[in-house]
């Protein structure tokens, strides 16, 4: 669905005629917040585009013999070291944050050392902030989602390389 300039103008006219000072609109593709400054009558906006996660690697669950799965699996070289990496997964769906607040440094970066109880991010679900813990000792090897991206339950947020490697 695309908005034309006329669509936006019509929405703003409706908002100008309304008594409300804020509009929050969320779809599967984006989040939009409009706020009116009562003194100036001007509207400001915050937009967040919701993007599907990037698939870093696709591995078949079982070989059904169709050949399609083996073609996908052979596209990525198998690295036996990566098989030992721990995946940090989202325990619930929501917006993933890499930092404790806007403008703050991220909890971790690639190469950061972590322990089981190290907070590596936050998932916001229904306005509640839920800490994500590393659940393993080692070094952050991959970060699969950017800050403020929507994640599904069980999505791989990052991978941890064990200390011994």
N, C-alpha and C. Protein backbone atom coordinates (compact mmCIF):
# COMPACT_ATOMS: atom_id res chain seq x y z
N UNK A 1 0.85 -1.17 0.00
CA UNK A 1 0.00 0.00 0.00
C UNK A 1 0.89 1.23 0.00
N UNK A 2 0.66 2.12 -0.94
CA UNK A 2 1.43 3.36 -1.03
C UNK A 2 0.51 4.54 -0.75
N UNK A 3 1.05 5.52 -0.03
CA UNK A 3 0.32 6.76 0.21
C UNK A 3 0.72 7.78 -0.84
N UNK A 4 -0.26 8.42 -1.41
CA UNK A 4 0.03 9.51 -2.33
C UNK A 4 0.09 10.81 -1.53
N UNK A 5 0.55 11.87 -2.14
CA UNK A 5 0.56 13.18 -1.48
C UNK A 5 -0.86 13.59 -1.09
N UNK A 6 -1.82 13.25 -1.93
CA UNK A 6 -3.21 13.59 -1.64
C UNK A 6 -3.70 12.84 -0.39
N UNK A 7 -3.29 11.58 -0.25
CA UNK A 7 -3.66 10.80 0.93
C UNK A 7 -3.12 11.46 2.20
N UNK A 8 -1.88 11.86 2.15
CA UNK A 8 -1.25 12.49 3.31
C UNK A 8 -1.94 13.82 3.63
N UNK A 9 -2.23 14.61 2.60
CA UNK A 9 -2.91 15.89 2.81
C UNK A 9 -4.29 15.67 3.44
N UNK A 10 -5.01 14.65 2.97
CA UNK A 10 -6.33 14.36 3.53
C UNK A 10 -6.23 13.93 4.99
N UNK A 11 -5.24 13.13 5.32
CA UNK A 11 -5.04 12.71 6.71
C UNK A 11 -4.73 13.92 7.58
N UNK A 12 -3.87 14.81 7.10
CA UNK A 12 -3.52 16.00 7.88
C UNK A 12 -4.73 16.92 8.06
N UNK A 13 -5.56 17.04 7.04
CA UNK A 13 -6.78 17.86 7.17
C UNK A 13 -7.72 17.27 8.23
N UNK A 14 -7.85 15.96 8.23
CA UNK A 14 -8.67 15.30 9.25
C UNK A 14 -8.10 15.52 10.64
N UNK A 15 -6.78 15.44 10.74
CA UNK A 15 -6.13 15.66 12.03
C UNK A 15 -6.29 17.11 12.50
N UNK A 16 -6.16 18.06 11.57
CA UNK A 16 -6.31 19.47 11.93
C UNK A 16 -7.73 19.76 12.45
N UNK A 17 -8.71 19.06 11.91
CA UNK A 17 -10.09 19.27 12.33
C UNK A 17 -10.42 18.54 13.63
N UNK A 18 -9.57 17.60 14.03
CA UNK A 18 -9.83 16.81 15.24
C UNK A 18 -9.28 17.52 16.47
N UNK A 19 -9.78 17.12 17.62
CA UNK A 19 -9.33 17.71 18.87
C UNK A 19 -8.08 17.03 19.41
N UNK A 20 -7.67 15.96 18.78
CA UNK A 20 -6.54 15.18 19.27
C UNK A 20 -5.21 15.81 18.87
N UNK A 21 -4.20 15.61 19.72
CA UNK A 21 -2.87 16.14 19.46
C UNK A 21 -1.88 15.07 19.03
N UNK A 22 -2.31 13.83 19.02
CA UNK A 22 -1.40 12.75 18.67
C UNK A 22 -2.14 11.64 17.95
N UNK A 23 -1.47 11.06 16.96
CA UNK A 23 -2.01 9.92 16.23
C UNK A 23 -0.92 8.87 16.16
N UNK A 24 -1.26 7.66 16.52
CA UNK A 24 -0.33 6.54 16.42
C UNK A 24 -0.94 5.52 15.48
N UNK A 25 -0.22 5.17 14.40
CA UNK A 25 -0.71 4.24 13.40
C UNK A 25 0.35 3.15 13.21
N UNK A 26 -0.07 1.90 13.31
CA UNK A 26 0.87 0.80 13.14
C UNK A 26 0.27 -0.21 12.17
N UNK A 27 1.06 -0.59 11.17
CA UNK A 27 0.66 -1.62 10.22
C UNK A 27 1.76 -2.68 10.21
N UNK A 28 1.60 -3.68 9.39
CA UNK A 28 2.63 -4.72 9.28
C UNK A 28 3.92 -4.17 8.67
N UNK A 29 3.81 -3.06 7.92
CA UNK A 29 4.99 -2.50 7.24
C UNK A 29 5.65 -1.33 7.94
N UNK A 30 4.90 -0.58 8.76
CA UNK A 30 5.50 0.60 9.37
C UNK A 30 4.74 1.02 10.62
N UNK A 31 5.41 1.87 11.40
CA UNK A 31 4.80 2.52 12.55
C UNK A 31 4.94 4.01 12.33
N UNK A 32 3.87 4.77 12.59
CA UNK A 32 3.87 6.21 12.36
C UNK A 32 3.25 6.89 13.57
N UNK A 33 3.96 7.88 14.12
CA UNK A 33 3.42 8.68 15.21
C UNK A 33 3.45 10.14 14.76
N UNK A 34 2.29 10.80 14.83
CA UNK A 34 2.18 12.22 14.51
C UNK A 34 1.79 12.95 15.78
N UNK A 35 2.47 14.08 16.07
CA UNK A 35 2.15 14.89 17.24
C UNK A 35 2.00 16.34 16.81
N UNK A 36 1.01 17.02 17.41
CA UNK A 36 0.75 18.41 17.11
C UNK A 36 1.25 19.29 18.26
N UNK A 37 1.95 20.35 17.88
CA UNK A 37 2.34 21.37 18.86
C UNK A 37 1.17 22.34 18.93
N UNK A 38 0.50 22.40 20.06
CA UNK A 38 -0.70 23.23 20.22
C UNK A 38 -0.43 24.71 19.96
N UNK A 39 0.76 25.19 20.32
CA UNK A 39 1.06 26.62 20.15
C UNK A 39 1.21 27.00 18.68
N UNK A 40 1.96 26.19 17.94
CA UNK A 40 2.22 26.53 16.54
C UNK A 40 1.23 25.85 15.58
N UNK A 41 0.59 24.76 16.04
CA UNK A 41 -0.31 24.01 15.16
C UNK A 41 0.42 23.09 14.20
N UNK A 42 1.76 23.06 14.28
CA UNK A 42 2.57 22.23 13.39
C UNK A 42 2.56 20.78 13.86
N UNK A 43 2.64 19.88 12.88
CA UNK A 43 2.70 18.46 13.17
C UNK A 43 4.13 17.97 13.03
N UNK A 44 4.55 17.07 13.90
CA UNK A 44 5.84 16.40 13.76
C UNK A 44 5.57 14.92 13.63
N UNK A 45 6.50 14.21 13.04
CA UNK A 45 6.28 12.78 12.83
C UNK A 45 7.49 11.97 13.23
N UNK A 46 7.23 10.75 13.64
CA UNK A 46 8.25 9.74 13.87
C UNK A 46 7.81 8.54 13.08
N UNK A 47 8.69 8.03 12.25
CA UNK A 47 8.35 6.87 11.42
C UNK A 47 9.35 5.78 11.66
N UNK A 48 8.88 4.56 11.74
CA UNK A 48 9.76 3.42 11.85
C UNK A 48 9.30 2.41 10.82
N UNK A 49 10.18 2.07 9.90
CA UNK A 49 9.85 1.08 8.89
C UNK A 49 10.18 -0.29 9.46
N UNK A 50 9.20 -1.16 9.44
CA UNK A 50 9.39 -2.50 9.94
C UNK A 50 9.85 -3.36 8.78
N UNK A 51 11.03 -3.94 8.92
CA UNK A 51 11.64 -4.71 7.85
C UNK A 51 11.75 -6.16 8.29
N UNK A 52 11.56 -7.04 7.36
CA UNK A 52 11.74 -8.46 7.67
C UNK A 52 13.21 -8.71 8.00
N UNK A 53 13.50 -9.64 8.91
CA UNK A 53 14.88 -9.92 9.28
C UNK A 53 15.66 -10.48 8.10
N UNK A 54 16.96 -10.20 8.10
CA UNK A 54 17.82 -10.73 7.06
C UNK A 54 18.13 -12.19 7.39
N UNK A 55 17.99 -13.07 6.41
CA UNK A 55 18.31 -14.47 6.63
C UNK A 55 19.79 -14.63 6.34
N UNK A 56 20.54 -14.98 7.37
CA UNK A 56 21.97 -15.12 7.21
C UNK A 56 22.35 -16.48 6.65
N UNK A 57 21.60 -17.49 7.08
CA UNK A 57 21.93 -18.84 6.65
C UNK A 57 20.67 -19.67 6.73
N UNK A 58 20.43 -20.48 5.72
CA UNK A 58 19.27 -21.36 5.73
C UNK A 58 19.75 -22.80 5.70
N UNK A 59 19.34 -23.58 6.67
CA UNK A 59 19.76 -24.97 6.76
C UNK A 59 18.52 -25.84 6.84
N UNK A 60 18.41 -26.86 6.01
CA UNK A 60 17.22 -27.72 6.06
C UNK A 60 17.17 -28.50 7.37
N UNK A 61 15.94 -28.77 7.84
CA UNK A 61 15.77 -29.53 9.06
C UNK A 61 16.02 -31.02 8.82
N UNK A 62 15.61 -31.52 7.69
CA UNK A 62 15.80 -32.92 7.36
C UNK A 62 15.93 -33.06 5.85
N UNK A 63 16.67 -34.06 5.41
CA UNK A 63 16.83 -34.28 3.97
C UNK A 63 15.67 -35.12 3.47
N UNK A 64 14.79 -34.49 2.69
CA UNK A 64 13.63 -35.21 2.17
C UNK A 64 13.94 -35.84 0.82
N UNK A 65 15.14 -35.58 0.30
CA UNK A 65 15.52 -36.18 -0.96
C UNK A 65 15.05 -35.41 -2.17
N UNK A 66 14.39 -34.25 -1.98
CA UNK A 66 13.87 -33.50 -3.13
C UNK A 66 14.95 -32.76 -3.88
N UNK A 67 16.07 -32.53 -3.23
CA UNK A 67 17.15 -31.80 -3.88
C UNK A 67 17.12 -30.32 -3.61
N UNK A 68 15.94 -29.74 -3.35
CA UNK A 68 15.84 -28.30 -3.09
C UNK A 68 16.56 -27.94 -1.80
N UNK A 69 16.38 -28.78 -0.78
CA UNK A 69 17.03 -28.49 0.49
C UNK A 69 18.54 -28.60 0.37
N UNK A 70 19.03 -29.60 -0.36
CA UNK A 70 20.47 -29.77 -0.47
C UNK A 70 21.08 -28.62 -1.26
N UNK A 71 20.34 -28.04 -2.21
CA UNK A 71 20.85 -26.90 -2.96
C UNK A 71 21.01 -25.70 -2.05
N UNK A 72 20.05 -25.50 -1.14
CA UNK A 72 20.15 -24.39 -0.19
C UNK A 72 21.31 -24.61 0.76
N UNK A 73 21.45 -25.85 1.25
CA UNK A 73 22.50 -26.14 2.22
C UNK A 73 23.88 -26.02 1.58
N UNK A 74 24.02 -26.38 0.32
CA UNK A 74 25.33 -26.32 -0.31
C UNK A 74 25.71 -24.91 -0.71
N UNK A 75 24.76 -23.96 -0.71
CA UNK A 75 25.07 -22.58 -1.05
C UNK A 75 25.95 -21.93 0.00
N UNK A 76 25.86 -22.37 1.24
CA UNK A 76 26.68 -21.85 2.33
C UNK A 76 27.69 -22.92 2.71
N UNK A 77 28.99 -22.60 2.75
CA UNK A 77 29.95 -23.62 3.16
C UNK A 77 29.76 -23.96 4.63
N UNK A 78 29.84 -25.24 4.94
CA UNK A 78 29.67 -25.68 6.33
C UNK A 78 30.96 -25.39 7.10
N UNK A 79 30.83 -24.68 8.20
CA UNK A 79 31.96 -24.37 9.06
C UNK A 79 31.74 -25.11 10.38
N UNK A 80 32.52 -26.15 10.66
CA UNK A 80 32.27 -26.94 11.86
C UNK A 80 32.40 -26.13 13.15
N UNK A 81 33.18 -25.05 13.13
CA UNK A 81 33.30 -24.21 14.34
C UNK A 81 31.98 -23.52 14.63
N UNK A 82 31.26 -23.06 13.58
CA UNK A 82 29.99 -22.37 13.78
C UNK A 82 28.93 -23.28 14.36
N UNK A 83 29.05 -24.58 14.13
CA UNK A 83 28.07 -25.52 14.67
C UNK A 83 28.11 -25.52 16.20
N UNK A 84 29.24 -25.14 16.79
CA UNK A 84 29.38 -25.12 18.25
C UNK A 84 28.97 -23.78 18.85
N UNK A 85 28.68 -22.78 18.01
CA UNK A 85 28.30 -21.47 18.52
C UNK A 85 26.91 -21.56 19.16
N UNK A 86 26.72 -20.77 20.20
CA UNK A 86 25.43 -20.72 20.88
C UNK A 86 24.57 -19.63 20.25
N UNK A 87 23.33 -19.96 19.97
CA UNK A 87 22.40 -18.98 19.41
C UNK A 87 21.60 -18.35 20.54
N UNK A 88 21.59 -17.03 20.59
CA UNK A 88 20.75 -16.30 21.54
C UNK A 88 19.46 -16.00 20.80
N UNK A 89 18.36 -16.54 21.33
CA UNK A 89 17.07 -16.43 20.65
C UNK A 89 16.11 -15.52 21.40
N UNK A 90 15.19 -14.94 20.67
CA UNK A 90 14.16 -14.09 21.27
C UNK A 90 13.17 -15.00 22.01
N UNK A 91 12.91 -14.69 23.28
CA UNK A 91 11.99 -15.52 24.05
C UNK A 91 10.54 -15.09 23.85
N UNK A 92 10.31 -13.97 23.17
CA UNK A 92 8.97 -13.52 22.83
C UNK A 92 9.08 -12.53 21.67
N UNK A 93 7.98 -12.29 20.95
CA UNK A 93 8.04 -11.34 19.84
C UNK A 93 8.03 -9.90 20.36
N UNK A 94 8.61 -9.00 19.60
CA UNK A 94 8.60 -7.60 19.98
C UNK A 94 9.69 -6.82 19.26
N UNK A 95 9.91 -5.59 19.72
CA UNK A 95 10.94 -4.74 19.14
C UNK A 95 12.25 -4.97 19.89
N UNK A 96 13.29 -5.29 19.14
CA UNK A 96 14.60 -5.59 19.72
C UNK A 96 15.42 -4.31 19.82
N UNK A 97 15.95 -4.07 21.00
CA UNK A 97 16.82 -2.91 21.22
C UNK A 97 18.19 -3.40 21.65
N UNK A 98 19.23 -2.86 21.03
CA UNK A 98 20.61 -3.24 21.37
C UNK A 98 21.17 -2.37 22.48
N UNK A 99 20.49 -1.26 22.82
CA UNK A 99 20.98 -0.33 23.84
C UNK A 99 19.90 -0.12 24.90
N UNK A 100 20.31 0.32 26.11
CA UNK A 100 19.33 0.50 27.18
C UNK A 100 18.38 1.68 26.97
N UNK A 101 18.79 2.66 26.17
CA UNK A 101 17.93 3.81 25.88
C UNK A 101 18.42 4.47 24.60
N UNK A 102 17.59 5.29 23.96
CA UNK A 102 18.01 5.96 22.72
C UNK A 102 19.27 6.80 22.95
N UNK A 103 20.21 6.68 22.06
CA UNK A 103 21.45 7.45 22.14
C UNK A 103 22.53 6.81 22.98
N UNK A 104 22.20 5.78 23.74
CA UNK A 104 23.19 5.09 24.57
C UNK A 104 23.99 4.11 23.74
N UNK A 105 25.15 3.74 24.25
CA UNK A 105 25.96 2.73 23.58
C UNK A 105 25.26 1.37 23.67
N UNK A 106 25.44 0.51 22.64
CA UNK A 106 24.84 -0.82 22.69
C UNK A 106 25.40 -1.63 23.85
N UNK A 107 24.60 -2.59 24.32
CA UNK A 107 25.06 -3.48 25.38
C UNK A 107 26.32 -4.23 24.96
N UNK A 108 26.31 -4.72 23.73
CA UNK A 108 27.45 -5.51 23.23
C UNK A 108 27.71 -5.17 21.77
N UNK A 109 28.88 -5.53 21.32
CA UNK A 109 29.27 -5.42 19.91
C UNK A 109 29.90 -6.75 19.51
N UNK A 110 30.14 -6.95 18.24
CA UNK A 110 30.86 -8.14 17.81
C UNK A 110 32.24 -8.10 18.45
N UNK A 111 32.62 -9.20 19.06
CA UNK A 111 33.90 -9.28 19.76
C UNK A 111 33.79 -9.08 21.26
N UNK A 112 32.63 -8.64 21.74
CA UNK A 112 32.44 -8.44 23.18
C UNK A 112 32.44 -9.79 23.89
N UNK A 113 33.05 -9.84 25.08
CA UNK A 113 33.02 -11.04 25.92
C UNK A 113 31.76 -11.00 26.77
N UNK A 114 31.09 -12.14 26.87
CA UNK A 114 29.86 -12.22 27.64
C UNK A 114 29.88 -13.44 28.54
N UNK A 115 29.06 -13.39 29.58
CA UNK A 115 28.82 -14.53 30.45
C UNK A 115 27.35 -14.84 30.41
N UNK A 116 26.95 -15.90 31.08
CA UNK A 116 25.56 -16.36 31.03
C UNK A 116 24.55 -15.26 31.38
N UNK A 117 24.85 -14.44 32.40
CA UNK A 117 23.90 -13.44 32.88
C UNK A 117 24.10 -12.06 32.26
N UNK A 118 24.98 -11.93 31.29
CA UNK A 118 25.21 -10.64 30.64
C UNK A 118 23.97 -10.24 29.84
N UNK A 119 23.48 -9.02 30.06
CA UNK A 119 22.36 -8.51 29.26
C UNK A 119 22.93 -8.09 27.90
N UNK A 120 22.35 -8.64 26.84
CA UNK A 120 22.82 -8.36 25.48
C UNK A 120 21.82 -7.55 24.67
N UNK A 121 20.63 -7.32 25.22
CA UNK A 121 19.62 -6.55 24.52
C UNK A 121 18.32 -6.52 25.31
N UNK A 122 17.34 -5.86 24.72
CA UNK A 122 16.01 -5.76 25.33
C UNK A 122 14.98 -6.03 24.23
N UNK A 123 13.90 -6.71 24.60
CA UNK A 123 12.77 -6.87 23.68
C UNK A 123 11.58 -6.18 24.32
N UNK A 124 11.01 -5.22 23.60
CA UNK A 124 9.83 -4.52 24.07
C UNK A 124 8.60 -5.21 23.50
N UNK A 125 7.73 -5.66 24.41
CA UNK A 125 6.48 -6.28 24.02
C UNK A 125 5.37 -5.67 24.85
N UNK A 126 4.39 -5.09 24.18
CA UNK A 126 3.24 -4.48 24.85
C UNK A 126 3.70 -3.47 25.91
N UNK A 127 4.65 -2.63 25.53
CA UNK A 127 5.18 -1.56 26.38
C UNK A 127 5.96 -2.07 27.59
N UNK A 128 6.28 -3.35 27.64
CA UNK A 128 7.10 -3.91 28.71
C UNK A 128 8.47 -4.24 28.15
N UNK A 129 9.51 -3.84 28.90
CA UNK A 129 10.89 -4.09 28.48
C UNK A 129 11.37 -5.39 29.13
N UNK A 130 11.82 -6.33 28.30
CA UNK A 130 12.27 -7.64 28.76
C UNK A 130 13.74 -7.83 28.41
N UNK A 131 14.57 -8.01 29.41
CA UNK A 131 16.01 -8.18 29.18
C UNK A 131 16.28 -9.51 28.47
N UNK A 132 17.27 -9.47 27.58
CA UNK A 132 17.73 -10.68 26.90
C UNK A 132 19.13 -10.96 27.44
N UNK A 133 19.34 -12.16 27.98
CA UNK A 133 20.62 -12.54 28.54
C UNK A 133 21.36 -13.46 27.57
N UNK A 134 22.70 -13.43 27.65
CA UNK A 134 23.53 -14.22 26.75
C UNK A 134 23.30 -15.72 26.91
N UNK A 135 23.13 -16.19 28.12
CA UNK A 135 22.90 -17.60 28.43
C UNK A 135 24.06 -18.51 28.05
N UNK A 136 25.22 -17.91 27.77
CA UNK A 136 26.42 -18.70 27.46
C UNK A 136 27.65 -17.82 27.68
N UNK A 137 28.78 -18.46 27.89
CA UNK A 137 30.06 -17.74 28.01
C UNK A 137 30.75 -17.74 26.66
N UNK A 138 31.37 -16.63 26.34
CA UNK A 138 32.12 -16.59 25.10
C UNK A 138 32.21 -15.19 24.53
N UNK A 139 32.37 -15.14 23.21
CA UNK A 139 32.55 -13.88 22.49
C UNK A 139 31.43 -13.74 21.46
N UNK A 140 30.86 -12.54 21.37
CA UNK A 140 29.81 -12.29 20.38
C UNK A 140 30.44 -12.40 18.99
N UNK A 141 29.93 -13.33 18.19
CA UNK A 141 30.48 -13.58 16.86
C UNK A 141 29.62 -12.97 15.76
N UNK A 142 28.29 -12.96 15.96
CA UNK A 142 27.38 -12.40 14.97
C UNK A 142 26.22 -11.72 15.69
N UNK A 143 25.77 -10.61 15.14
CA UNK A 143 24.56 -9.94 15.60
C UNK A 143 23.62 -9.92 14.40
N UNK A 144 22.47 -10.54 14.55
CA UNK A 144 21.60 -10.79 13.41
C UNK A 144 20.53 -9.72 13.18
N UNK A 145 20.27 -8.86 14.16
CA UNK A 145 19.24 -7.84 14.02
C UNK A 145 19.80 -6.48 14.39
N UNK A 146 19.34 -5.46 13.69
CA UNK A 146 19.71 -4.09 14.01
C UNK A 146 18.84 -3.57 15.13
N UNK A 147 19.26 -2.46 15.70
CA UNK A 147 18.48 -1.81 16.75
C UNK A 147 17.10 -1.42 16.23
N UNK A 148 16.10 -1.60 17.03
CA UNK A 148 14.68 -1.26 16.78
C UNK A 148 14.00 -2.14 15.72
N UNK A 149 14.57 -3.27 15.39
CA UNK A 149 13.91 -4.17 14.45
C UNK A 149 12.92 -5.06 15.19
N UNK A 150 11.82 -5.39 14.54
CA UNK A 150 10.85 -6.32 15.10
C UNK A 150 11.40 -7.72 14.97
N UNK A 151 11.27 -8.52 16.03
CA UNK A 151 11.72 -9.91 16.00
C UNK A 151 10.56 -10.82 16.38
N UNK A 152 10.53 -11.97 15.78
CA UNK A 152 9.54 -12.99 16.11
C UNK A 152 10.07 -13.84 17.26
N UNK A 153 9.18 -14.55 17.92
CA UNK A 153 9.60 -15.48 18.98
C UNK A 153 10.53 -16.51 18.36
N UNK A 154 11.60 -16.84 19.06
CA UNK A 154 12.61 -17.82 18.67
C UNK A 154 13.54 -17.35 17.54
N UNK A 155 13.44 -16.09 17.12
CA UNK A 155 14.38 -15.58 16.11
C UNK A 155 15.78 -15.55 16.72
N UNK A 156 16.79 -15.87 15.92
CA UNK A 156 18.17 -15.83 16.39
C UNK A 156 18.62 -14.38 16.40
N UNK A 157 18.88 -13.85 17.59
CA UNK A 157 19.30 -12.46 17.73
C UNK A 157 20.79 -12.30 17.50
N UNK A 158 21.56 -13.27 18.01
CA UNK A 158 23.01 -13.22 17.87
C UNK A 158 23.58 -14.61 18.12
N UNK A 159 24.86 -14.75 17.79
CA UNK A 159 25.55 -16.03 18.02
C UNK A 159 26.80 -15.76 18.85
N UNK A 160 27.06 -16.69 19.77
CA UNK A 160 28.20 -16.56 20.68
C UNK A 160 29.19 -17.69 20.40
N UNK A 161 30.44 -17.30 20.19
CA UNK A 161 31.51 -18.28 19.99
C UNK A 161 32.05 -18.66 21.36
N UNK A 162 32.15 -19.96 21.68
CA UNK A 162 32.65 -20.37 23.00
C UNK A 162 34.05 -19.84 23.26
N UNK A 163 34.40 -19.70 24.54
CA UNK A 163 35.72 -19.16 24.93
C UNK A 163 36.88 -19.97 24.40
N UNK A 164 36.73 -21.28 24.28
CA UNK A 164 37.83 -22.16 23.91
C UNK A 164 38.27 -22.01 22.46
N UNK A 165 37.46 -21.40 21.60
CA UNK A 165 37.83 -21.30 20.17
C UNK A 165 38.81 -20.22 19.92
